Amino acid sequence: MESRKINVFDCSILHLPKFGNRNGHVTPINNNQELPFAVKRVFYIYDVPGGESRGAHAHKECHQFLVATTGAFEVLLDDGATKRQVQLNRADVGLYIPPGIWAAEINFSGGAVCLVLASHEYEEADYIRSYEEYTKYLEI
């Protein structure tokens, strides 16, 4: 039986719990509850000039979950055959990206913060940083 290749529609928008009132809100994220993986690394991207982009790579093993904790940005997803663009602009909504998807964070608003929760610790060998290398990886 041939295994199914990952595609951009395997990336999903997840709505996170939101508790609060007019004085503010809290959104908890628990391993293997709100996310389909256990978090081993957390980082955030900030001070990106308005309209600029980041990312533009794929992972071989690492799952990621992106949240616009402040401001907004879009994520351009690509599986080698189909492209999909998703806007993130709420702190209680995020985008799950499984391994094998080329992703770029684009069109940052001024002051935007992108929170990234990852399933793996940083390992350079897990990154595919050129689109040419990515298309070769898909042929494997």
Protein backbone atom coordinates (compact mmCIF):
# COMPACT_ATOMS: atom_id res chain seq x y z
CA MET A 1 0.00 0.00 0.00
CA GLU A 2 1.37 3.42 -0.99
CA SER A 3 1.63 6.00 1.79
CA ARG A 4 -0.29 9.23 1.36
CA LYS A 5 1.82 12.34 0.96
CA ILE A 6 1.22 15.28 3.25
CA ASN A 7 -0.58 18.27 1.72
CA VAL A 8 -1.46 21.84 2.67
CA PHE A 9 -4.93 20.77 3.81
CA ASP A 10 -3.29 18.70 6.57
CA CYS A 11 -2.40 22.08 8.10
CA SER A 12 -5.26 23.09 10.36
CA ILE A 13 -6.55 26.15 12.15
CA LEU A 14 -7.02 25.32 15.84
CA HIS A 15 -9.16 27.39 18.19
CA LEU A 16 -7.64 27.55 21.66
CA PRO A 17 -9.48 27.90 24.96
CA LYS A 18 -10.06 31.49 26.02
CA PHE A 19 -10.97 32.48 29.57
CA GLY A 20 -11.54 36.00 30.79
CA ASN A 21 -13.66 39.08 30.87
CA ARG A 22 -13.37 42.79 30.17
CA ASN A 23 -10.21 42.86 32.33
CA GLY A 24 -8.31 40.53 30.01
CA HIS A 25 -8.00 36.97 28.81
CA VAL A 26 -5.88 33.87 29.34
CA THR A 27 -5.33 31.13 26.75
CA PRO A 28 -3.76 27.93 28.12
CA ILE A 29 -1.98 25.42 25.89
CA ASN A 30 -1.34 21.94 27.28
CA ASN A 31 0.80 19.20 25.71
CA ASN A 32 -1.24 16.68 23.71
CA GLN A 33 -4.54 18.41 24.55
CA GLU A 34 -4.96 21.57 22.48
CA LEU A 35 -2.12 20.49 20.18
CA PRO A 36 -1.60 17.19 18.35
CA PHE A 37 1.96 16.91 19.70
CA ALA A 38 4.04 17.47 22.83
CA VAL A 39 5.91 20.77 22.90
CA LYS A 40 9.69 20.55 23.29
CA ARG A 41 10.65 24.04 22.11
CA VAL A 42 9.05 27.49 22.26
CA PHE A 43 10.28 30.60 20.48
CA TYR A 44 8.83 33.78 19.10
CA ILE A 45 9.52 36.04 16.16
CA TYR A 46 9.20 39.79 16.67
CA ASP A 47 10.49 43.17 15.45
CA VAL A 48 9.84 42.12 11.86
CA PRO A 49 9.33 45.35 9.87
CA GLY A 50 5.74 45.80 8.62
CA GLY A 51 5.12 44.02 5.31
CA GLU A 52 8.24 41.84 5.62
CA SER A 53 8.51 38.03 5.65
CA ARG A 54 10.25 35.27 7.64
CA GLY A 55 10.53 31.51 7.51
CA ALA A 56 10.52 29.98 4.03
CA HIS A 57 11.60 26.47 4.96
CA ALA A 58 10.24 23.00 5.70
CA HIS A 59 10.93 20.45 8.42
CA LYS A 60 11.53 16.73 7.99
CA GLU A 61 10.31 15.68 11.48
CA CYS A 62 9.28 18.75 13.47
CA HIS A 63 5.62 19.71 13.93
CA GLN A 64 4.91 23.40 14.54
CA PHE A 65 2.03 25.51 15.85
CA LEU A 66 2.01 29.24 15.08
CA VAL A 67 -0.01 31.94 16.87
CA ALA A 68 -0.15 35.68 16.23
CA THR A 69 -0.05 36.74 19.87
CA THR A 70 0.00 40.39 18.79
CA GLY A 71 -0.72 41.92 15.40
CA ALA A 72 -1.16 39.83 12.28
CA PHE A 73 0.70 37.95 9.58
CA GLU A 74 -0.08 35.38 6.91
CA VAL A 75 1.40 31.94 6.42
CA LEU A 76 2.03 30.75 2.88
CA LEU A 77 1.85 26.94 2.84
CA ASP A 78 3.14 24.84 -0.05
CA ASP A 79 3.22 21.05 -0.52
CA GLY A 80 4.95 21.11 -3.91
CA ALA A 81 1.65 20.88 -5.80
CA THR A 82 -0.76 23.21 -3.99
CA LYS A 83 -0.34 26.54 -2.24
CA ARG A 84 -2.60 27.84 0.54
CA GLN A 85 -2.47 31.14 2.41
CA VAL A 86 -3.76 31.51 5.98
CA GLN A 87 -4.06 34.73 7.97
CA LEU A 88 -3.37 34.69 11.71
CA ASN A 89 -4.56 37.67 13.74
CA ARG A 90 -5.99 36.38 17.04
CA ALA A 91 -4.17 35.18 20.16
CA ASP A 92 -6.67 32.31 20.65
CA VAL A 93 -6.33 30.85 17.15
CA GLY A 94 -3.27 29.13 15.70
CA LEU A 95 -2.07 27.15 12.72
CA TYR A 96 -0.80 23.58 13.02
CA ILE A 97 1.86 22.72 10.42
CA PRO A 98 2.96 19.07 10.17
CA PRO A 99 6.42 18.13 8.90
CA GLY A 100 6.91 18.07 5.14
CA ILE A 101 5.17 21.38 4.39
CA TRP A 102 7.06 24.40 3.05
CA ALA A 103 5.95 27.44 5.07
CA ALA A 104 6.73 31.15 5.02
CA GLU A 105 5.37 33.81 7.36
CA ILE A 106 4.58 36.86 5.23
CA ASN A 107 3.04 40.33 5.39
CA PHE A 108 3.74 41.00 9.06
CA SER A 109 1.89 43.95 10.54
CA GLY A 110 4.00 46.40 12.50
CA GLY A 111 4.54 45.11 16.05
CA ALA A 112 3.34 41.58 15.27
CA VAL A 113 4.61 38.69 17.40
CA CYS A 114 4.60 35.12 16.06
CA LEU A 115 4.69 32.50 18.84
CA VAL A 116 5.97 29.10 17.65
CA LEU A 117 5.50 25.87 19.59
CA ALA A 118 7.58 23.01 18.19
CA SER A 119 7.62 19.25 18.72
CA HIS A 120 11.42 19.00 18.53
CA GLU A 121 14.40 20.83 19.92
CA TYR A 122 16.41 22.82 17.38
CA GLU A 123 18.35 20.59 15.01
CA GLU A 124 19.75 22.10 11.81
CA ALA A 125 19.59 18.74 9.99
CA ASP A 126 15.77 18.80 10.30
CA TYR A 127 15.50 22.00 8.22
CA ILE A 128 15.08 22.14 4.45
CA ARG A 129 16.08 25.71 3.64
CA SER A 130 16.06 25.85 -0.18
CA TYR A 131 12.95 25.29 -2.27
CA GLU A 132 15.01 23.29 -4.79
CA GLU A 133 16.12 20.93 -2.00
CA TYR A 134 12.48 20.74 -0.83
CA THR A 135 11.20 19.60 -4.24
CA LYS A 136 13.92 16.93 -4.32
CA TYR A 137 12.91 15.83 -0.81
CA LEU A 138 9.30 15.39 -2.01
CA GLU A 139 10.42 12.94 -4.70
CA ILE A 140 11.89 10.53 -2.11
